[in-house]
């Protein structure tokens, strides 16, 4: 009689969510802002070289600014976590009774019996570091951040911004007529925005087609508004 070997249960979860968030932030702004800038300048000037220079300057400045924002955000997350650790260490040292009660309440909320609650609380309270880590995660809902998170975030966002920004600007490198280059820029950027929006929404669990359409419309409206304003003022 043959025995069927059970297949291991596989759970599919989104990994590297921090990196994904960074890429989404950098790429979405990188595609949209330089696209709007190039479209706006196309409505006011006829020389592509001016748009190339302005576009490169914007991409450099934008990637640095966005990367710095990501770095500061990562540092703030680390500083907040470490300050909460110090506060929790003080509480388990000087407010032991209250912390024991909070720990026991956690075990009660997940359905453990009174005896098991007491045993689990006493067990975890024997190791101060383990107790603090437990309270940080389950009382405050804080995970220990990657110490390199700030630097990684800055690089992820900055590089994604540069990659996204090059796409709408690239036709102006090869076509001298701004109006002609704008046509190819619009086509290339809207296609990239649609693809980017589709996969971003699919990964994050949203309707991919609606997400792709929404991202594309935002980019198109931004570029159209910039082009229209430039046309009005140039006339």
C-alpha atoms as a PDB file:
ATOM      1  CA  UNK A   1       0.000   0.000   0.000  1.00  0.00           C
ATOM      2  CA  UNK A   2       1.593   3.260  -1.132  1.00  0.00           C
ATOM      3  CA  UNK A   3       1.630   6.269   1.068  1.00  0.00           C
ATOM      4  CA  UNK A   4       1.097   9.708  -0.327  1.00  0.00           C
ATOM      5  CA  UNK A   5       3.717  12.181   0.802  1.00  0.00           C
ATOM      6  CA  UNK A   6       1.994  15.408   1.730  1.00  0.00           C
ATOM      7  CA  UNK A   7       3.170  18.432  -0.132  1.00  0.00           C
ATOM      8  CA  UNK A   8       4.568  21.184   2.065  1.00  0.00           C
ATOM      9  CA  UNK A   9       2.288  24.156   2.399  1.00  0.00           C
ATOM     10  CA  UNK A  10       3.691  27.157   0.611  1.00  0.00           C
ATOM     11  CA  UNK A  11       2.588  30.643   1.508  1.00  0.00           C
ATOM     12  CA  UNK A  12       3.211  33.412  -0.954  1.00  0.00           C
ATOM     13  CA  UNK A  13       3.916  36.701   0.736  1.00  0.00           C
ATOM     14  CA  UNK A  14       5.319  39.929  -0.566  1.00  0.00           C
ATOM     15  CA  UNK A  15       9.008  40.144   0.251  1.00  0.00           C
ATOM     16  CA  UNK A  16      11.313  43.157   0.265  1.00  0.00           C
ATOM     17  CA  UNK A  17       8.359  45.508   0.690  1.00  0.00           C
ATOM     18  CA  UNK A  18      10.690  48.350   1.712  1.00  0.00           C
ATOM     19  CA  UNK A  19      12.663  48.087  -1.505  1.00  0.00           C
ATOM     20  CA  UNK A  20       9.467  47.850  -3.526  1.00  0.00           C
ATOM     21  CA  UNK A  21       8.131  50.989  -1.864  1.00  0.00           C
ATOM     22  CA  UNK A  22      11.371  52.827  -2.638  1.00  0.00           C
ATOM     23  CA  UNK A  23      11.299  51.799  -6.292  1.00  0.00           C
ATOM     24  CA  UNK A  24       7.657  52.808  -6.607  1.00  0.00           C
ATOM     25  CA  UNK A  25       8.339  56.243  -5.094  1.00  0.00           C
ATOM     26  CA  UNK A  26      11.429  56.881  -7.205  1.00  0.00           C
ATOM     27  CA  UNK A  27      10.123  55.481 -10.473  1.00  0.00           C
ATOM     28  CA  UNK A  28       6.709  57.125 -10.332  1.00  0.00           C
ATOM     29  CA  UNK A  29       8.171  60.576  -9.682  1.00  0.00           C
ATOM     30  CA  UNK A  30      11.017  59.964 -12.103  1.00  0.00           C
ATOM     31  CA  UNK A  31       8.628  59.169 -14.913  1.00  0.00           C
ATOM     32  CA  UNK A  32       6.152  61.946 -14.131  1.00  0.00           C
ATOM     33  CA  UNK A  33       8.165  65.047 -13.154  1.00  0.00           C
ATOM     34  CA  UNK A  34      10.764  65.083 -15.972  1.00  0.00           C
ATOM     35  CA  UNK A  35       7.984  64.146 -18.401  1.00  0.00           C
ATOM     36  CA  UNK A  36       5.943  67.149 -17.324  1.00  0.00           C
ATOM     37  CA  UNK A  37       9.032  69.378 -17.464  1.00  0.00           C
ATOM     38  CA  UNK A  38       9.986  68.246 -20.964  1.00  0.00           C
ATOM     39  CA  UNK A  39       6.396  68.636 -22.180  1.00  0.00           C
ATOM     40  CA  UNK A  40       6.155  72.094 -20.669  1.00  0.00           C
ATOM     41  CA  UNK A  41       9.398  73.271 -22.221  1.00  0.00           C
ATOM     42  CA  UNK A  42       8.355  71.800 -25.562  1.00  0.00           C
ATOM     43  CA  UNK A  43       5.487  74.244 -25.563  1.00  0.00           C
ATOM     44  CA  UNK A  44       7.829  77.194 -25.090  1.00  0.00           C
ATOM     45  CA  UNK A  45      11.102  76.438 -26.914  1.00  0.00           C
ATOM     46  CA  UNK A  46      12.031  74.880 -30.236  1.00  0.00           C
ATOM     47  CA  UNK A  47      15.555  73.663 -29.422  1.00  0.00           C
ATOM     48  CA  UNK A  48      15.811  70.171 -27.955  1.00  0.00           C
ATOM     49  CA  UNK A  49      19.254  70.863 -26.467  1.00  0.00           C
ATOM     50  CA  UNK A  50      17.700  73.302 -23.994  1.00  0.00           C
ATOM     51  CA  UNK A  51      15.248  70.638 -22.857  1.00  0.00           C
ATOM     52  CA  UNK A  52      18.052  68.081 -22.561  1.00  0.00           C
ATOM     53  CA  UNK A  53      20.117  70.391 -20.349  1.00  0.00           C
ATOM     54  CA  UNK A  54      17.131  71.363 -18.216  1.00  0.00           C
ATOM     55  CA  UNK A  55      15.970  67.756 -18.024  1.00  0.00           C
ATOM     56  CA  UNK A  56      19.358  66.425 -16.919  1.00  0.00           C
ATOM     57  CA  UNK A  57      19.623  69.168 -14.307  1.00  0.00           C
ATOM     58  CA  UNK A  58      16.157  68.277 -13.012  1.00  0.00           C
ATOM     59  CA  UNK A  59      16.933  64.552 -12.900  1.00  0.00           C
ATOM     60  CA  UNK A  60      20.164  65.147 -10.967  1.00  0.00           C
ATOM     61  CA  UNK A  61      18.497  67.534  -8.521  1.00  0.00           C
ATOM     62  CA  UNK A  62      15.374  65.399  -8.224  1.00  0.00           C
ATOM     63  CA  UNK A  63      17.249  62.151  -7.607  1.00  0.00           C
ATOM     64  CA  UNK A  64      19.381  63.798  -4.904  1.00  0.00           C
ATOM     65  CA  UNK A  65      16.357  65.389  -3.240  1.00  0.00           C
ATOM     66  CA  UNK A  66      14.308  62.200  -3.374  1.00  0.00           C
ATOM     67  CA  UNK A  67      17.241  60.089  -2.190  1.00  0.00           C
ATOM     68  CA  UNK A  68      17.883  62.461   0.697  1.00  0.00           C
ATOM     69  CA  UNK A  69      14.219  62.254   1.642  1.00  0.00           C
ATOM     70  CA  UNK A  70      14.459  58.459   1.689  1.00  0.00           C
ATOM     71  CA  UNK A  71      17.616  58.602   3.788  1.00  0.00           C
ATOM     72  CA  UNK A  72      16.079  60.942   6.359  1.00  0.00           C
ATOM     73  CA  UNK A  73      12.965  58.795   6.506  1.00  0.00           C
ATOM     74  CA  UNK A  74      15.072  55.705   7.184  1.00  0.00           C
ATOM     75  CA  UNK A  75      17.095  57.496   9.879  1.00  0.00           C
ATOM     76  CA  UNK A  76      13.917  58.737  11.516  1.00  0.00           C
ATOM     77  CA  UNK A  77      12.566  55.184  11.619  1.00  0.00           C
ATOM     78  CA  UNK A  78      15.777  53.955  13.266  1.00  0.00           C
ATOM     79  CA  UNK A  79      15.857  56.809  15.795  1.00  0.00           C
ATOM     80  CA  UNK A  80      12.216  56.198  16.706  1.00  0.00           C
ATOM     81  CA  UNK A  81      12.831  52.477  17.207  1.00  0.00           C
ATOM     82  CA  UNK A  82      15.874  53.021  19.427  1.00  0.00           C
ATOM     83  CA  UNK A  83      14.071  55.612  21.554  1.00  0.00           C
ATOM     84  CA  UNK A  84      11.192  53.172  22.057  1.00  0.00           C
ATOM     85  CA  UNK A  85      13.652  50.427  23.020  1.00  0.00           C
ATOM     86  CA  UNK A  86      15.131  52.649  25.732  1.00  0.00           C
ATOM     87  CA  UNK A  87      11.662  53.512  27.007  1.00  0.00           C
ATOM     88  CA  UNK A  88      10.660  49.835  27.068  1.00  0.00           C
ATOM     89  CA  UNK A  89      13.893  48.873  28.863  1.00  0.00           C
ATOM     90  CA  UNK A  90      13.138  51.463  31.536  1.00  0.00           C
ATOM     91  CA  UNK A  91       9.595  50.171  31.947  1.00  0.00           C
ATOM     92  CA  UNK A  92      10.531  46.511  32.358  1.00  0.00           C
ATOM     93  CA  UNK A  93      13.148  47.596  34.899  1.00  0.00           C
ATOM     94  CA  UNK A  94      11.147  50.128  36.926  1.00  0.00           C
ATOM     95  CA  UNK A  95       7.517  49.280  36.096  1.00  0.00           C
ATOM     96  CA  UNK A  96       7.811  45.508  36.170  1.00  0.00           C
ATOM     97  CA  UNK A  97       4.347  44.811  37.555  1.00  0.00           C
ATOM     98  CA  UNK A  98       2.603  46.843  34.816  1.00  0.00           C
ATOM     99  CA  UNK A  99       4.699  45.232  32.082  1.00  0.00           C
ATOM    100  CA  UNK A 100       3.962  41.756  33.422  1.00  0.00           C
ATOM    101  CA  UNK A 101       0.269  42.583  33.334  1.00  0.00           C
ATOM    102  CA  UNK A 102       0.514  43.840  29.724  1.00  0.00           C
ATOM    103  CA  UNK A 103       2.413  40.720  28.687  1.00  0.00           C
ATOM    104  CA  UNK A 104      -0.163  38.458  30.311  1.00  0.00           C
ATOM    105  CA  UNK A 105      -2.964  40.430  28.632  1.00  0.00           C
ATOM    106  CA  UNK A 106      -1.379  39.729  25.250  1.00  0.00           C
ATOM    107  CA  UNK A 107      -1.399  35.984  25.871  1.00  0.00           C
ATOM    108  CA  UNK A 108      -4.979  36.225  27.121  1.00  0.00           C
ATOM    109  CA  UNK A 109      -6.032  38.005  23.930  1.00  0.00           C
ATOM    110  CA  UNK A 110      -4.718  35.189  21.752  1.00  0.00           C
ATOM    111  CA  UNK A 111      -6.790  32.648  23.701  1.00  0.00           C
ATOM    112  CA  UNK A 112      -4.361  30.967  26.052  1.00  0.00           C
ATOM    113  CA  UNK A 113      -5.639  29.529  29.327  1.00  0.00           C
ATOM    114  CA  UNK A 114      -4.961  31.276  32.645  1.00  0.00           C
ATOM    115  CA  UNK A 115      -2.294  28.773  33.638  1.00  0.00           C
ATOM    116  CA  UNK A 116      -0.492  29.005  30.289  1.00  0.00           C
ATOM    117  CA  UNK A 117      -0.714  32.811  30.359  1.00  0.00           C
ATOM    118  CA  UNK A 118       1.035  32.896  33.698  1.00  0.00           C
ATOM    119  CA  UNK A 119       3.652  30.349  32.691  1.00  0.00           C
ATOM    120  CA  UNK A 120       4.433  32.074  29.384  1.00  0.00           C
ATOM    121  CA  UNK A 121       4.675  35.490  31.074  1.00  0.00           C
ATOM    122  CA  UNK A 122       7.055  34.231  33.758  1.00  0.00           C
ATOM    123  CA  UNK A 123       9.155  32.449  31.150  1.00  0.00           C
ATOM    124  CA  UNK A 124       9.598  35.412  28.839  1.00  0.00           C
ATOM    125  CA  UNK A 125      10.220  37.837  31.715  1.00  0.00           C
ATOM    126  CA  UNK A 126      13.311  35.892  32.792  1.00  0.00           C
ATOM    127  CA  UNK A 127      15.354  37.348  29.924  1.00  0.00           C
ATOM    128  CA  UNK A 128      15.233  41.157  29.866  1.00  0.00           C
ATOM    129  CA  UNK A 129      16.390  41.537  26.249  1.00  0.00           C
ATOM    130  CA  UNK A 130      13.989  38.911  24.974  1.00  0.00           C
ATOM    131  CA  UNK A 131      11.179  40.509  26.980  1.00  0.00           C
ATOM    132  CA  UNK A 132      11.920  43.968  25.560  1.00  0.00           C
ATOM    133  CA  UNK A 133      12.050  42.559  22.011  1.00  0.00           C
ATOM    134  CA  UNK A 134       8.736  40.818  22.636  1.00  0.00           C
ATOM    135  CA  UNK A 135       7.078  43.999  23.881  1.00  0.00           C
ATOM    136  CA  UNK A 136       8.490  46.041  21.001  1.00  0.00           C
ATOM    137  CA  UNK A 137       7.007  43.650  18.472  1.00  0.00           C
ATOM    138  CA  UNK A 138       3.692  42.685  20.029  1.00  0.00           C
ATOM    139  CA  UNK A 139       2.809  45.666  22.217  1.00  0.00           C
ATOM    140  CA  UNK A 140       4.090  48.474  19.991  1.00  0.00           C
ATOM    141  CA  UNK A 141       4.028  46.659  16.641  1.00  0.00           C
ATOM    142  CA  UNK A 142       7.602  47.744  15.820  1.00  0.00           C
ATOM    143  CA  UNK A 143      10.087  45.569  13.949  1.00  0.00           C
ATOM    144  CA  UNK A 144      13.799  46.210  14.351  1.00  0.00           C
ATOM    145  CA  UNK A 145      14.834  48.232  11.276  1.00  0.00           C
ATOM    146  CA  UNK A 146      17.741  47.290   9.067  1.00  0.00           C
ATOM    147  CA  UNK A 147      20.724  49.429  10.204  1.00  0.00           C
ATOM    148  CA  UNK A 148      21.562  50.002   6.525  1.00  0.00           C
ATOM    149  CA  UNK A 149      17.971  50.881   5.673  1.00  0.00           C
ATOM    150  CA  UNK A 150      18.546  54.639   5.322  1.00  0.00           C
ATOM    151  CA  UNK A 151      21.416  54.227   2.860  1.00  0.00           C
ATOM    152  CA  UNK A 152      19.602  51.531   0.890  1.00  0.00           C
ATOM    153  CA  UNK A 153      16.479  53.665   0.689  1.00  0.00           C
ATOM    154  CA  UNK A 154      18.436  56.661  -0.598  1.00  0.00           C
ATOM    155  CA  UNK A 155      20.105  54.582  -3.302  1.00  0.00           C
ATOM    156  CA  UNK A 156      16.921  52.739  -4.312  1.00  0.00           C
ATOM    157  CA  UNK A 157      14.877  55.922  -4.652  1.00  0.00           C
ATOM    158  CA  UNK A 158      17.633  57.949  -6.305  1.00  0.00           C
ATOM    159  CA  UNK A 159      18.515  55.300  -8.903  1.00  0.00           C
ATOM    160  CA  UNK A 160      14.839  54.591  -9.641  1.00  0.00           C
ATOM    161  CA  UNK A 161      14.248  58.303 -10.158  1.00  0.00           C
ATOM    162  CA  UNK A 162      17.150  58.523 -12.638  1.00  0.00           C
ATOM    163  CA  UNK A 163      15.952  55.480 -14.585  1.00  0.00           C
ATOM    164  CA  UNK A 164      12.416  56.821 -14.728  1.00  0.00           C
ATOM    165  CA  UNK A 165      13.560  60.326 -15.705  1.00  0.00           C
ATOM    166  CA  UNK A 166      15.734  59.193 -18.607  1.00  0.00           C
ATOM    167  CA  UNK A 167      12.763  57.629 -20.417  1.00  0.00           C
ATOM    168  CA  UNK A 168      10.757  60.819 -21.226  1.00  0.00           C
ATOM    169  CA  UNK A 169      13.961  62.742 -21.877  1.00  0.00           C
ATOM    170  CA  UNK A 170      15.629  60.246 -24.230  1.00  0.00           C
ATOM    171  CA  UNK A 171      13.896  61.320 -27.504  1.00  0.00           C
ATOM    172  CA  UNK A 172      15.260  64.829 -27.080  1.00  0.00           C
ATOM    173  CA  UNK A 173      18.808  63.455 -27.281  1.00  0.00           C
ATOM    174  CA  UNK A 174      18.256  62.328 -30.868  1.00  0.00           C
ATOM    175  CA  UNK A 175      15.575  64.641 -32.306  1.00  0.00           C
ATOM    176  CA  UNK A 176      16.286  68.355 -32.656  1.00  0.00           C
ATOM    177  CA  UNK A 177      12.644  69.393 -33.138  1.00  0.00           C
ATOM    178  CA  UNK A 178      10.976  69.658 -29.733  1.00  0.00           C
ATOM    179  CA  UNK A 179       7.500  69.048 -31.143  1.00  0.00           C
ATOM    180  CA  UNK A 180       8.641  65.868 -32.877  1.00  0.00           C
ATOM    181  CA  UNK A 181      10.601  64.690 -29.847  1.00  0.00           C
ATOM    182  CA  UNK A 182       7.578  65.364 -27.649  1.00  0.00           C
ATOM    183  CA  UNK A 183       5.486  62.903 -29.662  1.00  0.00           C
ATOM    184  CA  UNK A 184       7.942  60.078 -29.047  1.00  0.00           C
ATOM    185  CA  UNK A 185       8.393  61.140 -25.446  1.00  0.00           C
ATOM    186  CA  UNK A 186       4.639  60.970 -24.870  1.00  0.00           C
ATOM    187  CA  UNK A 187       4.355  57.538 -26.468  1.00  0.00           C
ATOM    188  CA  UNK A 188       7.357  56.075 -24.631  1.00  0.00           C
ATOM    189  CA  UNK A 189       6.445  57.559 -21.262  1.00  0.00           C
ATOM    190  CA  UNK A 190       2.768  56.645 -21.336  1.00  0.00           C
ATOM    191  CA  UNK A 191       3.633  53.069 -22.300  1.00  0.00           C
ATOM    192  CA  UNK A 192       6.145  52.875 -19.440  1.00  0.00           C
ATOM    193  CA  UNK A 193       3.670  54.450 -17.011  1.00  0.00           C
ATOM    194  CA  UNK A 194       1.037  51.911 -18.027  1.00  0.00           C
ATOM    195  CA  UNK A 195       3.430  48.964 -17.604  1.00  0.00           C
ATOM    196  CA  UNK A 196       4.767  50.362 -14.340  1.00  0.00           C
ATOM    197  CA  UNK A 197       1.263  50.968 -12.986  1.00  0.00           C
ATOM    198  CA  UNK A 198       0.142  47.487 -14.028  1.00  0.00           C
ATOM    199  CA  UNK A 199       2.934  45.607 -12.277  1.00  0.00           C
ATOM    200  CA  UNK A 200       2.930  47.892  -9.240  1.00  0.00           C
ATOM    201  CA  UNK A 201      -0.782  47.278  -8.737  1.00  0.00           C
ATOM    202  CA  UNK A 202      -0.467  43.572  -9.369  1.00  0.00           C
ATOM    203  CA  UNK A 203       2.321  43.186  -6.815  1.00  0.00           C
ATOM    204  CA  UNK A 204       0.466  45.217  -4.187  1.00  0.00           C
ATOM    205  CA  UNK A 205      -2.785  43.303  -4.711  1.00  0.00           C
ATOM    206  CA  UNK A 206      -4.798  46.029  -6.476  1.00  0.00           C
ATOM    207  CA  UNK A 207      -6.676  45.702  -9.752  1.00  0.00           C
ATOM    208  CA  UNK A 208      -3.744  45.859 -12.226  1.00  0.00           C
ATOM    209  CA  UNK A 209      -5.700  47.345 -15.121  1.00  0.00           C
ATOM    210  CA  UNK A 210      -7.239  50.096 -13.030  1.00  0.00           C
ATOM    211  CA  UNK A 211      -3.888  50.798 -11.415  1.00  0.00           C
ATOM    212  CA  UNK A 212      -2.175  51.009 -14.795  1.00  0.00           C
ATOM    213  CA  UNK A 213      -4.849  53.353 -16.143  1.00  0.00           C
ATOM    214  CA  UNK A 214      -4.710  55.584 -13.074  1.00  0.00           C
ATOM    215  CA  UNK A 215      -0.917  55.975 -13.174  1.00  0.00           C
ATOM    216  CA  UNK A 216      -1.020  56.675 -16.908  1.00  0.00           C
ATOM    217  CA  UNK A 217      -3.736  59.303 -16.538  1.00  0.00           C
ATOM    218  CA  UNK A 218      -1.853  61.088 -13.761  1.00  0.00           C
ATOM    219  CA  UNK A 219       1.259  61.335 -15.929  1.00  0.00           C
ATOM    220  CA  UNK A 220      -0.725  62.463 -18.961  1.00  0.00           C
ATOM    221  CA  UNK A 221      -2.601  65.156 -17.029  1.00  0.00           C
ATOM    222  CA  UNK A 222       0.619  66.479 -15.467  1.00  0.00           C
ATOM    223  CA  UNK A 223       2.372  66.684 -18.835  1.00  0.00           C
ATOM    224  CA  UNK A 224      -0.668  68.194 -20.549  1.00  0.00           C
ATOM    225  CA  UNK A 225      -1.039  70.855 -17.889  1.00  0.00           C
ATOM    226  CA  UNK A 226       2.649  71.787 -18.097  1.00  0.00           C
ATOM    227  CA  UNK A 227       2.515  71.977 -21.894  1.00  0.00           C
ATOM    228  CA  UNK A 228      -0.633  74.123 -21.821  1.00  0.00           C
ATOM    229  CA  UNK A 229       0.752  76.559 -19.239  1.00  0.00           C
ATOM    230  CA  UNK A 230       3.994  76.923 -21.190  1.00  0.00           C
ATOM    231  CA  UNK A 231       2.055  77.597 -24.392  1.00  0.00           C
ATOM    232  CA  UNK A 232      -0.058  80.274 -22.727  1.00  0.00           C
ATOM    233  CA  UNK A 233       2.903  82.141 -21.252  1.00  0.00           C
ATOM    234  CA  UNK A 234       5.063  81.788 -24.367  1.00  0.00           C
ATOM    235  CA  UNK A 235       2.337  83.458 -26.412  1.00  0.00           C
END
